[in-house]
């Protein structure tokens, strides 16, 4: 993998006024402030059909899947802001995961995920902050071999949580987000050091 300070940030939503897109944008800004090289991915730039085995067999894998796989594999840290859909993963995000976990060109289906460090986040208009959906996302990512941080970041009452400039109204919440991002960077650095030691 690349430098342990290269971070891919994205939201599991494409809605124009999505709270989780706002959270992802802020997390990307925080990561840059902490010296990371950040790629802010918008899933709307990679439209995909609903995964269907017959579609895959008849039409092949969409070119967007290869592009997404390359992005995922080249970043050792991911920060994902995931909406809560009925206490589970947003269908858009689950569909992306299903496509990029397909085995292609002789690669294992976990090739995108294995060994990467993932921080999961959520925001919602209500008091849960999207927390109910994150355990399902964690379960899927860990099954695929990702190292998901024990800590997660949630932002309740997201409709009034952001300033006009895209920061957070609550200074304590903003500090918590900084700490969360820093933990992801540090965790990836520790794993990179361990891998280098084992390879030596």
N, C-alpha and C. Protein backbone atom coordinates (compact mmCIF):
# COMPACT_ATOMS: atom_id res chain seq x y z
N UNK A 1 0.82 -1.20 0.00
CA UNK A 1 0.00 0.00 0.00
C UNK A 1 0.86 1.26 0.00
N UNK A 2 0.22 2.41 -0.16
CA UNK A 2 0.92 3.68 -0.19
C UNK A 2 1.20 4.16 1.22
N UNK A 3 1.58 5.43 1.33
CA UNK A 3 1.87 6.03 2.63
C UNK A 3 0.71 5.84 3.59
N UNK A 4 1.06 5.61 4.87
CA UNK A 4 0.02 5.40 5.88
C UNK A 4 -0.70 6.68 6.25
N UNK A 5 -0.41 7.79 5.55
CA UNK A 5 -1.13 9.04 5.79
C UNK A 5 -1.97 9.44 4.58
N UNK A 6 -2.22 8.51 3.68
CA UNK A 6 -3.10 8.77 2.54
C UNK A 6 -4.50 8.28 2.89
N UNK A 7 -5.46 9.19 2.84
CA UNK A 7 -6.81 8.89 3.31
C UNK A 7 -7.82 9.09 2.19
N UNK A 8 -8.72 8.11 2.08
CA UNK A 8 -9.85 8.22 1.16
C UNK A 8 -11.10 8.49 2.01
N UNK A 9 -11.80 9.57 1.69
CA UNK A 9 -12.98 9.96 2.46
C UNK A 9 -14.19 9.98 1.54
N UNK A 10 -15.27 9.34 1.98
CA UNK A 10 -16.48 9.38 1.15
C UNK A 10 -17.71 9.13 2.01
N UNK A 11 -18.85 9.51 1.47
CA UNK A 11 -20.14 9.31 2.13
C UNK A 11 -20.94 8.27 1.36
N UNK A 12 -21.79 7.56 2.08
CA UNK A 12 -22.65 6.58 1.44
C UNK A 12 -23.94 7.18 0.94
N UNK A 13 -23.86 8.40 0.45
CA UNK A 13 -25.03 9.12 -0.06
C UNK A 13 -24.60 10.03 -1.19
N UNK A 14 -25.51 10.27 -2.12
CA UNK A 14 -25.25 11.23 -3.20
C UNK A 14 -26.24 12.40 -3.16
N UNK A 15 -27.10 12.43 -2.17
CA UNK A 15 -28.10 13.49 -2.08
C UNK A 15 -27.43 14.84 -1.90
N UNK A 16 -27.93 15.85 -2.60
CA UNK A 16 -27.28 17.17 -2.61
C UNK A 16 -27.10 17.74 -1.22
N UNK A 17 -28.11 17.62 -0.37
CA UNK A 17 -28.04 18.23 0.97
C UNK A 17 -27.82 17.17 2.05
N UNK A 18 -27.18 16.08 1.69
CA UNK A 18 -26.95 14.98 2.63
C UNK A 18 -26.10 15.42 3.81
N UNK A 19 -26.55 15.09 5.01
CA UNK A 19 -25.78 15.37 6.22
C UNK A 19 -24.47 14.59 6.22
N UNK A 20 -24.50 13.39 5.68
CA UNK A 20 -23.30 12.57 5.67
C UNK A 20 -22.29 13.03 4.63
N UNK A 21 -22.74 13.62 3.55
CA UNK A 21 -21.80 14.25 2.61
C UNK A 21 -21.14 15.46 3.28
N UNK A 22 -21.89 16.21 4.06
CA UNK A 22 -21.32 17.34 4.79
C UNK A 22 -20.29 16.85 5.81
N UNK A 23 -20.62 15.75 6.49
CA UNK A 23 -19.71 15.20 7.48
C UNK A 23 -18.43 14.68 6.81
N UNK A 24 -18.58 14.04 5.67
CA UNK A 24 -17.40 13.54 4.95
C UNK A 24 -16.52 14.70 4.50
N UNK A 25 -17.13 15.76 4.01
CA UNK A 25 -16.35 16.93 3.57
C UNK A 25 -15.59 17.54 4.74
N UNK A 26 -16.23 17.62 5.90
CA UNK A 26 -15.56 18.18 7.07
C UNK A 26 -14.43 17.26 7.53
N UNK A 27 -14.67 15.95 7.53
CA UNK A 27 -13.63 15.00 7.93
C UNK A 27 -12.42 15.10 7.00
N UNK A 28 -12.68 15.29 5.72
CA UNK A 28 -11.58 15.45 4.76
C UNK A 28 -10.77 16.70 5.10
N UNK A 29 -11.45 17.78 5.45
CA UNK A 29 -10.76 19.02 5.82
C UNK A 29 -9.94 18.84 7.09
N UNK A 30 -10.49 18.14 8.06
CA UNK A 30 -9.79 17.87 9.32
C UNK A 30 -8.54 17.03 9.06
N UNK A 31 -8.67 16.02 8.21
CA UNK A 31 -7.52 15.16 7.89
C UNK A 31 -6.41 15.96 7.21
N UNK A 32 -6.78 16.87 6.34
CA UNK A 32 -5.76 17.72 5.68
C UNK A 32 -5.06 18.58 6.72
N UNK A 33 -5.82 19.14 7.67
CA UNK A 33 -5.22 19.94 8.73
C UNK A 33 -4.20 19.13 9.53
N UNK A 34 -4.41 17.83 9.61
CA UNK A 34 -3.52 16.97 10.37
C UNK A 34 -2.37 16.42 9.52
N UNK A 35 -2.25 16.95 8.31
CA UNK A 35 -1.10 16.61 7.48
C UNK A 35 -1.28 15.41 6.58
N UNK A 36 -2.49 14.88 6.47
CA UNK A 36 -2.74 13.72 5.61
C UNK A 36 -2.94 14.16 4.16
N UNK A 37 -2.62 13.25 3.26
CA UNK A 37 -2.94 13.44 1.84
C UNK A 37 -4.32 12.86 1.62
N UNK A 38 -5.28 13.70 1.27
CA UNK A 38 -6.69 13.30 1.26
C UNK A 38 -7.26 13.26 -0.15
N UNK A 39 -7.97 12.18 -0.45
CA UNK A 39 -8.79 12.09 -1.65
C UNK A 39 -10.24 12.06 -1.19
N UNK A 40 -11.01 13.05 -1.62
CA UNK A 40 -12.42 13.12 -1.24
C UNK A 40 -13.24 12.57 -2.40
N UNK A 41 -13.77 11.38 -2.22
CA UNK A 41 -14.50 10.66 -3.26
C UNK A 41 -15.99 10.97 -3.16
N UNK A 42 -16.60 11.22 -4.31
CA UNK A 42 -18.06 11.37 -4.39
C UNK A 42 -18.60 10.19 -5.18
N UNK A 43 -19.43 9.38 -4.56
CA UNK A 43 -19.95 8.18 -5.22
C UNK A 43 -20.85 8.50 -6.42
N UNK A 44 -21.39 9.72 -6.46
CA UNK A 44 -22.21 10.08 -7.62
C UNK A 44 -21.39 10.11 -8.91
N UNK A 45 -20.08 10.21 -8.79
CA UNK A 45 -19.21 10.20 -9.97
C UNK A 45 -18.96 8.78 -10.48
N UNK A 46 -19.46 7.77 -9.75
CA UNK A 46 -19.24 6.37 -10.12
C UNK A 46 -20.58 5.62 -10.08
N UNK A 47 -21.53 6.01 -10.94
CA UNK A 47 -22.86 5.36 -10.90
C UNK A 47 -22.77 3.89 -11.27
N UNK A 48 -23.47 3.06 -10.51
CA UNK A 48 -23.44 1.62 -10.73
C UNK A 48 -24.87 1.07 -10.73
N UNK A 49 -25.13 0.05 -11.56
CA UNK A 49 -26.42 -0.62 -11.46
C UNK A 49 -26.49 -1.42 -10.17
N UNK A 50 -27.70 -1.77 -9.75
CA UNK A 50 -27.85 -2.66 -8.61
C UNK A 50 -27.16 -3.98 -8.96
N UNK A 51 -26.35 -4.49 -8.01
CA UNK A 51 -25.62 -5.71 -8.32
C UNK A 51 -26.59 -6.84 -8.62
N UNK A 52 -26.31 -7.53 -9.75
CA UNK A 52 -27.12 -8.66 -10.19
C UNK A 52 -26.18 -9.62 -10.91
N UNK A 53 -26.14 -10.86 -10.48
CA UNK A 53 -25.23 -11.83 -11.08
C UNK A 53 -25.45 -12.02 -12.56
N UNK A 54 -26.72 -11.98 -12.99
CA UNK A 54 -27.01 -12.14 -14.42
C UNK A 54 -26.51 -10.93 -15.20
N UNK A 55 -26.69 -9.74 -14.65
CA UNK A 55 -26.17 -8.53 -15.32
C UNK A 55 -24.66 -8.62 -15.45
N UNK A 56 -23.99 -9.07 -14.40
CA UNK A 56 -22.54 -9.20 -14.44
C UNK A 56 -22.10 -10.22 -15.48
N UNK A 57 -22.83 -11.36 -15.54
CA UNK A 57 -22.48 -12.41 -16.50
C UNK A 57 -22.72 -11.97 -17.94
N UNK A 58 -23.78 -11.20 -18.17
CA UNK A 58 -24.14 -10.80 -19.53
C UNK A 58 -23.43 -9.55 -20.02
N UNK A 59 -23.09 -8.65 -19.10
CA UNK A 59 -22.53 -7.36 -19.51
C UNK A 59 -21.14 -7.10 -18.95
N UNK A 60 -20.66 -7.98 -18.09
CA UNK A 60 -19.35 -7.78 -17.49
C UNK A 60 -19.41 -6.80 -16.33
N UNK A 61 -18.25 -6.50 -15.80
CA UNK A 61 -18.16 -5.58 -14.67
C UNK A 61 -18.07 -4.14 -15.18
N UNK A 62 -18.91 -3.24 -14.70
CA UNK A 62 -18.84 -1.84 -15.13
C UNK A 62 -17.44 -1.26 -14.90
N UNK A 63 -17.01 -0.38 -15.82
CA UNK A 63 -15.66 0.19 -15.70
C UNK A 63 -15.49 0.99 -14.41
N UNK A 64 -16.61 1.50 -13.87
CA UNK A 64 -16.51 2.26 -12.62
C UNK A 64 -16.00 1.40 -11.48
N UNK A 65 -16.27 0.11 -11.53
CA UNK A 65 -15.85 -0.79 -10.46
C UNK A 65 -14.32 -0.86 -10.41
N UNK A 66 -13.69 -1.00 -11.57
CA UNK A 66 -12.22 -1.04 -11.60
C UNK A 66 -11.63 0.26 -11.08
N UNK A 67 -12.27 1.39 -11.42
CA UNK A 67 -11.76 2.68 -10.96
C UNK A 67 -11.90 2.80 -9.44
N UNK A 68 -13.03 2.35 -8.92
CA UNK A 68 -13.23 2.40 -7.47
C UNK A 68 -12.27 1.46 -6.75
N UNK A 69 -12.08 0.27 -7.29
CA UNK A 69 -11.16 -0.69 -6.67
C UNK A 69 -9.75 -0.10 -6.60
N UNK A 70 -9.34 0.55 -7.67
CA UNK A 70 -8.00 1.14 -7.69
C UNK A 70 -7.87 2.23 -6.62
N UNK A 71 -8.89 3.04 -6.47
CA UNK A 71 -8.88 4.09 -5.45
C UNK A 71 -8.82 3.48 -4.04
N UNK A 72 -9.65 2.50 -3.81
CA UNK A 72 -9.70 1.88 -2.49
C UNK A 72 -8.37 1.22 -2.14
N UNK A 73 -7.80 0.52 -3.09
CA UNK A 73 -6.55 -0.21 -2.83
C UNK A 73 -5.37 0.73 -2.63
N UNK A 74 -5.42 1.91 -3.20
CA UNK A 74 -4.28 2.83 -3.11
C UNK A 74 -4.31 3.71 -1.86
N UNK A 75 -5.34 3.55 -1.04
CA UNK A 75 -5.45 4.35 0.19
C UNK A 75 -5.54 3.41 1.40
N UNK A 76 -4.57 3.46 2.30
CA UNK A 76 -4.58 2.56 3.46
C UNK A 76 -5.58 2.96 4.54
N UNK A 77 -6.13 4.18 4.45
CA UNK A 77 -7.11 4.64 5.43
C UNK A 77 -8.36 5.11 4.68
N UNK A 78 -9.51 4.67 5.15
CA UNK A 78 -10.78 5.17 4.63
C UNK A 78 -11.58 5.76 5.78
N UNK A 79 -12.23 6.88 5.53
CA UNK A 79 -13.21 7.44 6.44
C UNK A 79 -14.54 7.44 5.70
N UNK A 80 -15.52 6.73 6.25
CA UNK A 80 -16.81 6.57 5.59
C UNK A 80 -17.91 7.18 6.46
N UNK A 81 -18.66 8.12 5.89
CA UNK A 81 -19.83 8.68 6.56
C UNK A 81 -21.06 7.98 5.99
N UNK A 82 -21.70 7.17 6.80
CA UNK A 82 -22.75 6.27 6.31
C UNK A 82 -24.13 6.65 6.85
N UNK A 83 -25.07 6.96 5.97
CA UNK A 83 -26.44 7.21 6.44
C UNK A 83 -27.04 5.96 7.07
N UNK A 84 -28.01 6.18 7.94
CA UNK A 84 -28.76 5.11 8.59
C UNK A 84 -30.08 4.94 7.84
N UNK A 85 -30.22 3.81 7.14
CA UNK A 85 -31.49 3.50 6.46
C UNK A 85 -32.17 2.38 7.23
N UNK A 86 -33.23 2.73 7.97
CA UNK A 86 -33.96 1.73 8.75
C UNK A 86 -33.03 0.91 9.62
N UNK A 87 -32.12 1.61 10.30
CA UNK A 87 -31.16 0.99 11.23
C UNK A 87 -30.18 0.06 10.53
N UNK A 88 -29.87 0.34 9.28
CA UNK A 88 -28.90 -0.49 8.56
C UNK A 88 -28.13 0.36 7.55
N UNK A 89 -27.41 -0.32 6.66
CA UNK A 89 -26.54 0.36 5.70
C UNK A 89 -27.37 0.97 4.58
N UNK A 90 -26.99 2.15 4.14
CA UNK A 90 -27.65 2.76 2.98
C UNK A 90 -27.47 1.86 1.76
N UNK A 91 -28.51 1.66 0.95
CA UNK A 91 -28.41 0.75 -0.20
C UNK A 91 -27.34 1.16 -1.20
N UNK A 92 -27.12 2.44 -1.39
CA UNK A 92 -26.08 2.89 -2.31
C UNK A 92 -24.71 2.38 -1.86
N UNK A 93 -24.41 2.54 -0.58
CA UNK A 93 -23.12 2.12 -0.06
C UNK A 93 -22.98 0.60 -0.12
N UNK A 94 -24.03 -0.12 0.25
CA UNK A 94 -23.97 -1.59 0.21
C UNK A 94 -23.76 -2.07 -1.23
N UNK A 95 -24.38 -1.41 -2.19
CA UNK A 95 -24.22 -1.80 -3.59
C UNK A 95 -22.78 -1.59 -4.05
N UNK A 96 -22.16 -0.49 -3.65
CA UNK A 96 -20.75 -0.26 -3.98
C UNK A 96 -19.88 -1.36 -3.39
N UNK A 97 -20.13 -1.69 -2.13
CA UNK A 97 -19.34 -2.74 -1.48
C UNK A 97 -19.53 -4.07 -2.21
N UNK A 98 -20.76 -4.37 -2.59
CA UNK A 98 -21.02 -5.64 -3.29
C UNK A 98 -20.29 -5.70 -4.63
N UNK A 99 -20.24 -4.60 -5.35
CA UNK A 99 -19.55 -4.60 -6.65
C UNK A 99 -18.04 -4.71 -6.48
N UNK A 100 -17.45 -3.91 -5.59
CA UNK A 100 -15.99 -3.90 -5.49
C UNK A 100 -15.45 -5.14 -4.80
N UNK A 101 -16.33 -5.92 -4.18
CA UNK A 101 -15.89 -7.18 -3.57
C UNK A 101 -16.04 -8.37 -4.51
N UNK A 102 -16.36 -8.12 -5.76
CA UNK A 102 -16.40 -9.20 -6.75
C UNK A 102 -14.96 -9.56 -7.15
N UNK A 103 -14.63 -10.85 -7.24
CA UNK A 103 -13.27 -11.24 -7.67
C UNK A 103 -13.07 -10.94 -9.15
N UNK A 104 -12.01 -10.21 -9.47
CA UNK A 104 -11.71 -9.89 -10.87
C UNK A 104 -10.22 -10.09 -11.12
N UNK A 105 -9.89 -10.49 -12.36
CA UNK A 105 -8.50 -10.62 -12.78
C UNK A 105 -7.67 -11.46 -11.81
N UNK A 106 -8.29 -12.49 -11.28
CA UNK A 106 -7.56 -13.40 -10.40
C UNK A 106 -7.37 -12.90 -8.98
N UNK A 107 -7.86 -11.72 -8.66
CA UNK A 107 -7.73 -11.18 -7.30
C UNK A 107 -8.79 -11.77 -6.38
N UNK A 108 -8.43 -11.93 -5.13
CA UNK A 108 -9.37 -12.37 -4.12
C UNK A 108 -10.45 -11.30 -3.94
N UNK A 109 -11.64 -11.71 -3.52
CA UNK A 109 -12.73 -10.75 -3.37
C UNK A 109 -12.47 -9.75 -2.25
N UNK A 110 -11.54 -10.06 -1.34
CA UNK A 110 -11.24 -9.13 -0.24
C UNK A 110 -10.07 -8.21 -0.56
N UNK A 111 -9.56 -8.24 -1.79
CA UNK A 111 -8.34 -7.50 -2.13
C UNK A 111 -8.43 -6.01 -1.81
N UNK A 112 -9.60 -5.40 -1.99
CA UNK A 112 -9.76 -3.97 -1.72
C UNK A 112 -9.73 -3.65 -0.23
N UNK A 113 -10.13 -4.61 0.56
CA UNK A 113 -10.42 -4.34 1.96
C UNK A 113 -9.35 -4.83 2.92
N UNK A 114 -8.68 -5.90 2.58
CA UNK A 114 -7.81 -6.57 3.53
C UNK A 114 -6.66 -5.66 3.98
N UNK A 115 -6.58 -5.45 5.29
CA UNK A 115 -5.48 -4.67 5.85
C UNK A 115 -5.70 -3.19 5.92
N UNK A 116 -6.75 -2.66 5.30
CA UNK A 116 -6.94 -1.22 5.36
C UNK A 116 -7.56 -0.83 6.70
N UNK A 117 -7.33 0.40 7.11
CA UNK A 117 -7.89 0.94 8.35
C UNK A 117 -9.10 1.79 7.99
N UNK A 118 -10.23 1.51 8.63
CA UNK A 118 -11.47 2.22 8.30
C UNK A 118 -12.07 2.85 9.54
N UNK A 119 -12.37 4.14 9.44
CA UNK A 119 -13.12 4.84 10.46
C UNK A 119 -14.53 5.08 9.96
N UNK A 120 -15.52 4.68 10.74
CA UNK A 120 -16.91 4.84 10.29
C UNK A 120 -17.59 5.94 11.09
N UNK A 121 -18.40 6.72 10.38
CA UNK A 121 -19.06 7.90 10.94
C UNK A 121 -20.50 7.92 10.46
N UNK A 122 -21.30 8.73 11.11
CA UNK A 122 -22.68 8.92 10.66
C UNK A 122 -23.25 10.19 11.25
N UNK A 123 -24.22 10.74 10.55
CA UNK A 123 -25.02 11.83 11.08
C UNK A 123 -26.47 11.61 10.69
N UNK A 124 -27.38 12.13 11.50
CA UNK A 124 -28.80 12.04 11.19
C UNK A 124 -29.52 13.21 11.83
N UNK A 125 -30.75 13.49 11.41
CA UNK A 125 -31.49 14.59 12.04
C UNK A 125 -31.89 14.29 13.48
N UNK A 126 -31.95 13.01 13.86
CA UNK A 126 -32.42 12.63 15.18
C UNK A 126 -31.33 12.52 16.22
N UNK A 127 -31.71 12.01 17.39
CA UNK A 127 -30.80 11.95 18.52
C UNK A 127 -29.79 10.82 18.44
N UNK A 128 -30.03 9.82 17.58
CA UNK A 128 -29.10 8.69 17.49
C UNK A 128 -27.86 9.04 16.68
N UNK A 129 -27.94 10.05 15.86
CA UNK A 129 -26.80 10.44 15.03
C UNK A 129 -26.43 9.40 13.99
N UNK A 130 -27.36 8.51 13.66
CA UNK A 130 -27.07 7.48 12.67
C UNK A 130 -26.37 6.26 13.23
N UNK A 131 -26.26 6.19 14.56
CA UNK A 131 -25.49 5.12 15.19
C UNK A 131 -26.07 3.74 14.97
N UNK A 132 -27.38 3.63 14.75
CA UNK A 132 -28.00 2.31 14.64
C UNK A 132 -27.54 1.55 13.40
N UNK A 133 -27.17 2.28 12.34
CA UNK A 133 -26.76 1.61 11.11
C UNK A 133 -25.30 1.20 11.09
N UNK A 134 -24.48 1.78 11.95
CA UNK A 134 -23.04 1.53 11.89
C UNK A 134 -22.62 0.11 12.27
N UNK A 135 -23.29 -0.57 13.21
CA UNK A 135 -22.88 -1.96 13.48
C UNK A 135 -22.98 -2.87 12.26
N UNK A 136 -23.97 -2.65 11.41
CA UNK A 136 -24.10 -3.47 10.20
C UNK A 136 -22.96 -3.18 9.23
N UNK A 137 -22.61 -1.90 9.09
CA UNK A 137 -21.49 -1.54 8.22
C UNK A 137 -20.20 -2.14 8.76
N UNK A 138 -20.00 -2.05 10.06
CA UNK A 138 -18.82 -2.63 10.69
C UNK A 138 -18.73 -4.13 10.41
N UNK A 139 -19.84 -4.82 10.56
CA UNK A 139 -19.85 -6.27 10.36
C UNK A 139 -19.44 -6.64 8.93
N UNK A 140 -19.97 -5.91 7.96
CA UNK A 140 -19.66 -6.19 6.56
C UNK A 140 -18.18 -5.93 6.28
N UNK A 141 -17.67 -4.79 6.73
CA UNK A 141 -16.29 -4.42 6.46
C UNK A 141 -15.30 -5.37 7.13
N UNK A 142 -15.60 -5.75 8.37
CA UNK A 142 -14.71 -6.67 9.07
C UNK A 142 -14.73 -8.06 8.43
N UNK A 143 -15.89 -8.47 7.95
CA UNK A 143 -15.97 -9.75 7.22
C UNK A 143 -15.06 -9.75 6.01
N UNK A 144 -14.93 -8.59 5.37
CA UNK A 144 -14.11 -8.47 4.17
C UNK A 144 -12.64 -8.22 4.47
N UNK A 145 -12.28 -8.17 5.74
CA UNK A 145 -10.87 -8.07 6.11
C UNK A 145 -10.38 -6.70 6.49
N UNK A 146 -11.28 -5.71 6.54
CA UNK A 146 -10.86 -4.36 6.94
C UNK A 146 -10.66 -4.29 8.44
N UNK A 147 -9.76 -3.41 8.85
CA UNK A 147 -9.53 -3.13 10.28
C UNK A 147 -10.35 -1.90 10.65
N UNK A 148 -11.52 -2.12 11.20
CA UNK A 148 -12.42 -1.02 11.53
C UNK A 148 -12.11 -0.53 12.94
N UNK A 149 -11.90 0.78 13.06
CA UNK A 149 -11.61 1.35 14.37
C UNK A 149 -12.71 1.01 15.37
N UNK A 150 -12.31 0.71 16.60
CA UNK A 150 -13.30 0.48 17.65
C UNK A 150 -14.13 1.73 17.89
N UNK A 151 -13.46 2.87 17.91
CA UNK A 151 -14.18 4.14 18.05
C UNK A 151 -14.92 4.47 16.76
N UNK A 152 -16.04 5.15 16.90
CA UNK A 152 -16.75 5.67 15.74
C UNK A 152 -17.27 7.06 16.09
N UNK A 153 -17.61 7.82 15.05
CA UNK A 153 -18.05 9.20 15.29
C UNK A 153 -19.49 9.34 14.81
N UNK A 154 -20.35 9.85 15.68
CA UNK A 154 -21.73 10.11 15.29
C UNK A 154 -22.07 11.56 15.60
N UNK A 155 -22.95 12.10 14.79
CA UNK A 155 -23.34 13.51 14.91
C UNK A 155 -24.86 13.61 14.96
N UNK A 156 -25.44 13.67 16.16
CA UNK A 156 -26.89 13.80 16.28
C UNK A 156 -27.36 15.18 15.82
N UNK A 157 -28.65 15.25 15.50
CA UNK A 157 -29.31 16.51 15.12
C UNK A 157 -28.49 17.26 14.08
N UNK A 158 -28.14 16.51 13.05
CA UNK A 158 -27.25 17.03 12.02
C UNK A 158 -27.79 18.22 11.26
N UNK A 159 -29.12 18.35 11.22
CA UNK A 159 -29.72 19.46 10.47
C UNK A 159 -29.33 20.82 11.01
N UNK A 160 -28.99 20.88 12.31
CA UNK A 160 -28.59 22.15 12.92
C UNK A 160 -27.15 22.10 13.44
N UNK A 161 -26.42 21.05 13.09
CA UNK A 161 -25.08 20.86 13.66
C UNK A 161 -23.98 21.58 12.91
N UNK A 162 -24.23 21.93 11.63
CA UNK A 162 -23.18 22.51 10.80
C UNK A 162 -23.29 24.02 10.72
N UNK A 163 -22.15 24.67 10.67
CA UNK A 163 -22.12 26.11 10.42
C UNK A 163 -22.26 26.36 8.92
N UNK A 164 -22.44 27.61 8.55
CA UNK A 164 -22.56 27.94 7.12
C UNK A 164 -21.29 27.61 6.37
N UNK A 165 -20.16 27.62 7.04
CA UNK A 165 -18.88 27.33 6.40
C UNK A 165 -18.57 25.84 6.34
N UNK A 166 -19.46 25.01 6.93
CA UNK A 166 -19.27 23.57 6.86
C UNK A 166 -18.57 22.97 8.06
N UNK A 167 -18.26 23.79 9.08
CA UNK A 167 -17.68 23.26 10.31
C UNK A 167 -18.82 22.84 11.24
N UNK A 168 -18.52 22.63 12.52
CA UNK A 168 -19.56 22.24 13.46
C UNK A 168 -19.83 23.37 14.45
N UNK A 169 -21.08 23.53 14.79
CA UNK A 169 -21.48 24.54 15.77
C UNK A 169 -20.89 24.22 17.13
N UNK A 170 -20.92 22.95 17.49
CA UNK A 170 -20.45 22.49 18.81
C UNK A 170 -18.94 22.26 18.77
N UNK A 171 -18.19 23.09 19.51
CA UNK A 171 -16.73 22.99 19.50
C UNK A 171 -16.25 21.67 20.08
N UNK A 172 -16.98 21.11 21.03
CA UNK A 172 -16.58 19.82 21.63
C UNK A 172 -16.72 18.70 20.60
N UNK A 173 -17.81 18.73 19.85
CA UNK A 173 -17.99 17.72 18.79
C UNK A 173 -16.87 17.83 17.75
N UNK A 174 -16.49 19.04 17.43
CA UNK A 174 -15.42 19.23 16.46
C UNK A 174 -14.11 18.66 16.99
N UNK A 175 -13.82 18.87 18.26
CA UNK A 175 -12.63 18.28 18.87
C UNK A 175 -12.68 16.75 18.81
N UNK A 176 -13.87 16.19 19.03
CA UNK A 176 -14.04 14.74 18.97
C UNK A 176 -13.77 14.22 17.56
N UNK A 177 -14.20 14.98 16.56
CA UNK A 177 -13.93 14.58 15.18
C UNK A 177 -12.44 14.62 14.89
N UNK A 178 -11.76 15.66 15.36
CA UNK A 178 -10.30 15.74 15.18
C UNK A 178 -9.63 14.52 15.82
N UNK A 179 -10.07 14.16 17.02
CA UNK A 179 -9.48 13.02 17.72
C UNK A 179 -9.75 11.73 16.96
N UNK A 180 -10.94 11.58 16.44
CA UNK A 180 -11.32 10.38 15.68
C UNK A 180 -10.45 10.22 14.43
N UNK A 181 -10.27 11.30 13.70
CA UNK A 181 -9.44 11.26 12.49
C UNK A 181 -7.99 10.95 12.85
N UNK A 182 -7.51 11.57 13.91
CA UNK A 182 -6.13 11.33 14.34
C UNK A 182 -5.92 9.86 14.72
N UNK A 183 -6.90 9.25 15.37
CA UNK A 183 -6.80 7.84 15.74
C UNK A 183 -6.70 6.96 14.50
N UNK A 184 -7.44 7.30 13.45
CA UNK A 184 -7.36 6.51 12.22
C UNK A 184 -5.97 6.60 11.61
N UNK A 185 -5.41 7.79 11.59
CA UNK A 185 -4.07 7.98 11.03
C UNK A 185 -3.04 7.21 11.86
N UNK A 186 -3.15 7.32 13.17
CA UNK A 186 -2.20 6.65 14.06
C UNK A 186 -2.32 5.12 13.95
N UNK A 187 -3.55 4.62 13.86
CA UNK A 187 -3.76 3.17 13.76
C UNK A 187 -3.16 2.63 12.47
N UNK A 188 -3.32 3.35 11.39
CA UNK A 188 -2.74 2.91 10.12
C UNK A 188 -1.22 2.94 10.18
N UNK A 189 -0.67 3.94 10.86
CA UNK A 189 0.79 4.03 10.99
C UNK A 189 1.36 2.87 11.79
N UNK A 190 0.66 2.48 12.85
CA UNK A 190 1.10 1.34 13.66
C UNK A 190 1.08 0.07 12.83
N UNK A 191 0.02 -0.13 12.06
CA UNK A 191 -0.07 -1.34 11.23
C UNK A 191 1.04 -1.36 10.18
N UNK A 192 1.33 -0.19 9.60
CA UNK A 192 2.40 -0.13 8.60
C UNK A 192 3.75 -0.49 9.22
N UNK A 193 4.00 -0.01 10.44
CA UNK A 193 5.26 -0.33 11.12
C UNK A 193 5.36 -1.82 11.40
N UNK A 194 4.27 -2.42 11.84
CA UNK A 194 4.26 -3.87 12.13
C UNK A 194 4.51 -4.67 10.87
N UNK A 195 3.88 -4.27 9.77
CA UNK A 195 4.06 -4.98 8.51
C UNK A 195 5.52 -4.90 8.04
N UNK A 196 6.14 -3.71 8.20
CA UNK A 196 7.53 -3.55 7.78
C UNK A 196 8.46 -4.40 8.65
N UNK A 197 8.14 -4.48 9.96
CA UNK A 197 8.94 -5.30 10.86
C UNK A 197 8.88 -6.77 10.48
N UNK A 198 7.67 -7.24 10.15
CA UNK A 198 7.51 -8.64 9.78
C UNK A 198 8.18 -8.96 8.45
N UNK A 199 8.24 -7.94 7.57
CA UNK A 199 8.84 -8.16 6.26
C UNK A 199 10.36 -8.10 6.31
N UNK A 200 10.90 -7.52 7.38
CA UNK A 200 12.35 -7.33 7.48
C UNK A 200 13.07 -8.66 7.71
